[in-house]
Amino acid sequence: MTKKFEYATVPLLVHATKQILDTWGEDGWELVQVVPGPNPEQLVAYLKREKA
């Protein structure tokens, strides 16, 4: 059986990155990648989790 995933794109504020990622992690999301955002104080996180 093939696993199926869902994905999320989440803006991260530099001063609250850990708190934001911990919150998503508690909901079962796994961090895939972080890339620069539209301004220097923001990053964008790509997350995934297995569909129920």
N, C-alpha and C. Protein backbone atom coordinates (compact mmCIF):
# COMPACT_ATOMS: atom_id res chain seq x y z
N MET A 1 0.84 -1.18 0.00
CA MET A 1 0.00 0.00 0.00
C MET A 1 0.89 1.25 0.00
N THR A 2 0.59 2.19 -0.86
CA THR A 2 1.36 3.41 -0.98
C THR A 2 0.91 4.43 0.06
N LYS A 3 1.90 5.05 0.70
CA LYS A 3 1.57 6.11 1.66
C LYS A 3 1.17 7.36 0.90
N LYS A 4 0.22 8.09 1.44
CA LYS A 4 -0.20 9.36 0.86
C LYS A 4 0.06 10.46 1.87
N PHE A 5 0.52 11.59 1.37
CA PHE A 5 0.88 12.71 2.23
C PHE A 5 0.08 13.95 1.87
N GLU A 6 -0.07 14.83 2.86
CA GLU A 6 -0.59 16.16 2.61
C GLU A 6 0.52 17.14 2.97
N TYR A 7 0.47 18.31 2.35
CA TYR A 7 1.55 19.28 2.51
C TYR A 7 1.00 20.62 2.95
N ALA A 8 1.86 21.39 3.63
CA ALA A 8 1.49 22.73 4.06
C ALA A 8 2.67 23.67 3.84
N THR A 9 2.37 24.90 3.49
CA THR A 9 3.36 25.96 3.37
C THR A 9 3.05 26.97 4.48
N VAL A 10 4.03 27.22 5.34
CA VAL A 10 3.79 28.01 6.54
C VAL A 10 4.79 29.16 6.64
N PRO A 11 4.30 30.40 6.80
CA PRO A 11 5.24 31.51 7.03
C PRO A 11 5.84 31.41 8.44
N LEU A 12 7.14 31.64 8.54
CA LEU A 12 7.82 31.61 9.84
C LEU A 12 8.39 32.99 10.14
N LEU A 13 8.12 33.47 11.32
CA LEU A 13 8.74 34.71 11.78
C LEU A 13 10.06 34.34 12.45
N VAL A 14 11.12 35.05 12.11
CA VAL A 14 12.46 34.70 12.59
C VAL A 14 12.51 34.62 14.12
N HIS A 15 11.81 35.51 14.81
CA HIS A 15 11.87 35.54 16.28
C HIS A 15 11.00 34.46 16.94
N ALA A 16 10.18 33.72 16.16
CA ALA A 16 9.30 32.70 16.76
C ALA A 16 9.35 31.37 16.00
N THR A 17 10.45 31.12 15.30
CA THR A 17 10.55 29.93 14.45
C THR A 17 10.32 28.64 15.22
N LYS A 18 11.02 28.45 16.33
CA LYS A 18 10.90 27.21 17.10
C LYS A 18 9.48 27.00 17.60
N GLN A 19 8.88 28.04 18.14
CA GLN A 19 7.52 27.92 18.66
C GLN A 19 6.54 27.51 17.55
N ILE A 20 6.66 28.12 16.39
CA ILE A 20 5.76 27.81 15.27
C ILE A 20 5.97 26.36 14.82
N LEU A 21 7.23 25.95 14.65
CA LEU A 21 7.50 24.58 14.20
C LEU A 21 7.09 23.55 15.25
N ASP A 22 7.30 23.85 16.53
CA ASP A 22 6.86 22.93 17.59
C ASP A 22 5.34 22.73 17.56
N THR A 23 4.62 23.81 17.33
CA THR A 23 3.15 23.72 17.27
C THR A 23 2.71 22.82 16.12
N TRP A 24 3.27 23.01 14.95
CA TRP A 24 2.92 22.16 13.80
C TRP A 24 3.38 20.71 14.04
N GLY A 25 4.55 20.54 14.66
CA GLY A 25 5.06 19.20 14.95
C GLY A 25 4.14 18.43 15.89
N GLU A 26 3.55 19.11 16.85
CA GLU A 26 2.62 18.46 17.78
C GLU A 26 1.38 17.93 17.05
N ASP A 27 1.08 18.53 15.90
CA ASP A 27 -0.07 18.08 15.10
C ASP A 27 0.34 17.03 14.06
N GLY A 28 1.58 16.55 14.15
CA GLY A 28 2.01 15.47 13.26
C GLY A 28 2.71 15.90 11.99
N TRP A 29 2.98 17.20 11.84
CA TRP A 29 3.65 17.69 10.64
C TRP A 29 5.15 17.55 10.77
N GLU A 30 5.81 17.17 9.68
CA GLU A 30 7.26 17.01 9.62
C GLU A 30 7.83 18.10 8.71
N LEU A 31 8.89 18.75 9.17
CA LEU A 31 9.53 19.80 8.39
C LEU A 31 10.29 19.18 7.23
N VAL A 32 10.06 19.70 6.03
CA VAL A 32 10.76 19.22 4.83
C VAL A 32 11.86 20.20 4.44
N GLN A 33 11.53 21.50 4.43
CA GLN A 33 12.49 22.50 3.99
C GLN A 33 12.08 23.88 4.49
N VAL A 34 13.09 24.74 4.68
CA VAL A 34 12.85 26.14 5.00
C VAL A 34 13.57 26.97 3.94
N VAL A 35 12.87 27.95 3.37
CA VAL A 35 13.45 28.82 2.35
C VAL A 35 13.22 30.28 2.74
N PRO A 36 14.01 31.20 2.18
CA PRO A 36 13.79 32.62 2.48
C PRO A 36 12.40 33.07 2.06
N GLY A 37 11.83 33.97 2.84
CA GLY A 37 10.50 34.50 2.55
C GLY A 37 10.57 35.78 1.76
N PRO A 38 9.44 36.49 1.67
CA PRO A 38 9.37 37.70 0.88
C PRO A 38 10.13 38.89 1.48
N ASN A 39 10.47 38.81 2.75
CA ASN A 39 11.26 39.88 3.37
C ASN A 39 12.28 39.26 4.32
N PRO A 40 13.29 40.02 4.74
CA PRO A 40 14.39 39.46 5.55
C PRO A 40 13.98 38.90 6.91
N GLU A 41 12.82 39.31 7.43
CA GLU A 41 12.40 38.84 8.74
C GLU A 41 11.46 37.64 8.66
N GLN A 42 11.29 37.09 7.49
CA GLN A 42 10.35 35.99 7.33
C GLN A 42 10.98 34.85 6.54
N LEU A 43 10.66 33.63 6.96
CA LEU A 43 11.05 32.41 6.25
C LEU A 43 9.77 31.67 5.88
N VAL A 44 9.88 30.73 4.98
CA VAL A 44 8.74 29.90 4.60
C VAL A 44 9.12 28.45 4.84
N ALA A 45 8.29 27.74 5.58
CA ALA A 45 8.52 26.33 5.88
C ALA A 45 7.57 25.47 5.04
N TYR A 46 8.12 24.37 4.53
CA TYR A 46 7.32 23.37 3.83
C TYR A 46 7.25 22.15 4.73
N LEU A 47 6.02 21.71 5.02
CA LEU A 47 5.81 20.58 5.92
C LEU A 47 4.97 19.51 5.25
N LYS A 48 5.08 18.28 5.79
CA LYS A 48 4.25 17.19 5.28
C LYS A 48 3.84 16.30 6.44
N ARG A 49 2.74 15.58 6.22
CA ARG A 49 2.33 14.54 7.17
C ARG A 49 1.53 13.51 6.40
N GLU A 50 1.54 12.30 6.92
CA GLU A 50 0.81 11.22 6.27
C GLU A 50 -0.68 11.44 6.43
N LYS A 51 -1.41 11.21 5.34
CA LYS A 51 -2.86 11.34 5.40
C LYS A 51 -3.45 10.21 6.25
N ALA A 52 -4.48 10.54 6.97
CA ALA A 52 -5.13 9.55 7.84
C ALA A 52 -5.92 8.54 7.02
